[in-house]
């Protein structure tokens, strides 16, 4: 209803030898995350643009993909050369 994050997935358990523990996940609620990391404030900004294109003004949402970008560029350089 709020379209906000309500927690962070912490762990997904693996089933034991008797197949117990299937479908169990542990989540840290946002109020605990904010107590630990106050910079995690609620914002009215939604990074999901649906089918709208991303442009340079949306670059702040592209984090953590540097390794993938470097791998794609290296593959393209090999194919082009």
C-alpha atoms as a PDB file:
ATOM      1  CA  UNK A   1       0.000   0.000   0.000  1.00  0.00           C
ATOM      2  CA  UNK A   2       2.841   2.415   0.758  1.00  0.00           C
ATOM      3  CA  UNK A   3       5.075   1.262  -2.110  1.00  0.00           C
ATOM      4  CA  UNK A   4       7.974   1.481   0.338  1.00  0.00           C
ATOM      5  CA  UNK A   5      10.512  -1.108   1.389  1.00  0.00           C
ATOM      6  CA  UNK A   6       9.375  -2.935   4.508  1.00  0.00           C
ATOM      7  CA  UNK A   7      12.535  -4.918   5.200  1.00  0.00           C
ATOM      8  CA  UNK A   8      15.741  -6.445   3.892  1.00  0.00           C
ATOM      9  CA  UNK A   9      16.103 -10.140   3.209  1.00  0.00           C
ATOM     10  CA  UNK A  10      18.804 -11.390   5.554  1.00  0.00           C
ATOM     11  CA  UNK A  11      18.904 -15.138   5.004  1.00  0.00           C
ATOM     12  CA  UNK A  12      17.088 -17.968   3.235  1.00  0.00           C
ATOM     13  CA  UNK A  13      17.447 -21.277   5.001  1.00  0.00           C
ATOM     14  CA  UNK A  14      18.354 -24.474   3.200  1.00  0.00           C
ATOM     15  CA  UNK A  15      16.235 -27.531   4.003  1.00  0.00           C
ATOM     16  CA  UNK A  16      17.792 -30.171   6.231  1.00  0.00           C
ATOM     17  CA  UNK A  17      18.116 -33.888   5.442  1.00  0.00           C
ATOM     18  CA  UNK A  18      14.441 -34.369   6.347  1.00  0.00           C
ATOM     19  CA  UNK A  19      13.324 -31.548   4.034  1.00  0.00           C
ATOM     20  CA  UNK A  20      12.428 -29.376   7.035  1.00  0.00           C
ATOM     21  CA  UNK A  21      12.954 -25.664   6.791  1.00  0.00           C
ATOM     22  CA  UNK A  22      11.760 -25.191   3.222  1.00  0.00           C
ATOM     23  CA  UNK A  23      10.421 -21.782   2.401  1.00  0.00           C
ATOM     24  CA  UNK A  24      11.832 -20.052   5.475  1.00  0.00           C
ATOM     25  CA  UNK A  25      13.439 -16.645   5.101  1.00  0.00           C
ATOM     26  CA  UNK A  26      14.591 -14.114   7.664  1.00  0.00           C
ATOM     27  CA  UNK A  27      14.014 -10.414   7.112  1.00  0.00           C
ATOM     28  CA  UNK A  28      15.317  -7.386   9.001  1.00  0.00           C
ATOM     29  CA  UNK A  29      12.486  -4.821   9.352  1.00  0.00           C
ATOM     30  CA  UNK A  30      13.075  -1.267   8.166  1.00  0.00           C
ATOM     31  CA  UNK A  31      12.763   0.280  11.628  1.00  0.00           C
ATOM     32  CA  UNK A  32      15.746  -1.844  12.734  1.00  0.00           C
ATOM     33  CA  UNK A  33      17.690  -0.926   9.581  1.00  0.00           C
ATOM     34  CA  UNK A  34      17.026   2.784  10.198  1.00  0.00           C
ATOM     35  CA  UNK A  35      18.167   2.524  13.809  1.00  0.00           C
ATOM     36  CA  UNK A  36      21.442   1.073  12.576  1.00  0.00           C
ATOM     37  CA  UNK A  37      21.765   3.277   9.498  1.00  0.00           C
ATOM     38  CA  UNK A  38      19.883   6.590   9.952  1.00  0.00           C
ATOM     39  CA  UNK A  39      20.627   7.701   6.375  1.00  0.00           C
ATOM     40  CA  UNK A  40      17.971   5.208   5.217  1.00  0.00           C
ATOM     41  CA  UNK A  41      15.235   7.802   5.322  1.00  0.00           C
ATOM     42  CA  UNK A  42      11.906   7.445   3.520  1.00  0.00           C
ATOM     43  CA  UNK A  43      11.766   9.260   0.207  1.00  0.00           C
ATOM     44  CA  UNK A  44       8.977   9.934  -2.216  1.00  0.00           C
ATOM     45  CA  UNK A  45      11.243   9.099  -5.172  1.00  0.00           C
ATOM     46  CA  UNK A  46      10.497   5.906  -7.090  1.00  0.00           C
ATOM     47  CA  UNK A  47      13.386   4.524  -9.191  1.00  0.00           C
ATOM     48  CA  UNK A  48      11.103   2.243 -11.209  1.00  0.00           C
ATOM     49  CA  UNK A  49      10.150   3.853 -14.471  1.00  0.00           C
ATOM     50  CA  UNK A  50       8.036   1.089 -15.934  1.00  0.00           C
ATOM     51  CA  UNK A  51       8.538   1.188 -19.692  1.00  0.00           C
ATOM     52  CA  UNK A  52       9.887   4.748 -19.697  1.00  0.00           C
ATOM     53  CA  UNK A  53      13.524   5.054 -20.868  1.00  0.00           C
ATOM     54  CA  UNK A  54      16.357   5.779 -18.469  1.00  0.00           C
ATOM     55  CA  UNK A  55      18.545   8.782 -19.241  1.00  0.00           C
ATOM     56  CA  UNK A  56      21.639  10.375 -17.721  1.00  0.00           C
ATOM     57  CA  UNK A  57      19.467  12.108 -15.102  1.00  0.00           C
ATOM     58  CA  UNK A  58      18.596   8.633 -13.728  1.00  0.00           C
ATOM     59  CA  UNK A  59      22.240   7.532 -13.393  1.00  0.00           C
ATOM     60  CA  UNK A  60      22.020   7.636  -9.585  1.00  0.00           C
ATOM     61  CA  UNK A  61      19.921   4.441  -9.704  1.00  0.00           C
ATOM     62  CA  UNK A  62      22.573   2.427 -11.545  1.00  0.00           C
ATOM     63  CA  UNK A  63      24.843   1.206  -8.763  1.00  0.00           C
ATOM     64  CA  UNK A  64      26.844  -1.983  -8.396  1.00  0.00           C
ATOM     65  CA  UNK A  65      26.956  -2.945 -12.062  1.00  0.00           C
ATOM     66  CA  UNK A  66      30.510  -1.898 -12.820  1.00  0.00           C
ATOM     67  CA  UNK A  67      31.823  -5.488 -13.065  1.00  0.00           C
ATOM     68  CA  UNK A  68      29.036  -6.432 -15.482  1.00  0.00           C
ATOM     69  CA  UNK A  69      29.664  -3.328 -17.597  1.00  0.00           C
ATOM     70  CA  UNK A  70      33.394  -4.062 -17.769  1.00  0.00           C
ATOM     71  CA  UNK A  71      32.726  -7.665 -18.801  1.00  0.00           C
ATOM     72  CA  UNK A  72      30.339  -6.593 -21.576  1.00  0.00           C
ATOM     73  CA  UNK A  73      32.810  -3.992 -22.844  1.00  0.00           C
ATOM     74  CA  UNK A  74      35.672  -6.525 -22.803  1.00  0.00           C
ATOM     75  CA  UNK A  75      33.569  -9.032 -24.760  1.00  0.00           C
ATOM     76  CA  UNK A  76      32.585  -6.391 -27.285  1.00  0.00           C
ATOM     77  CA  UNK A  77      36.218  -5.323 -27.709  1.00  0.00           C
ATOM     78  CA  UNK A  78      37.241  -8.939 -28.375  1.00  0.00           C
ATOM     79  CA  UNK A  79      34.482  -9.446 -30.926  1.00  0.00           C
ATOM     80  CA  UNK A  80      35.191  -6.159 -32.640  1.00  0.00           C
ATOM     81  CA  UNK A  81      38.930  -6.747 -32.816  1.00  0.00           C
END
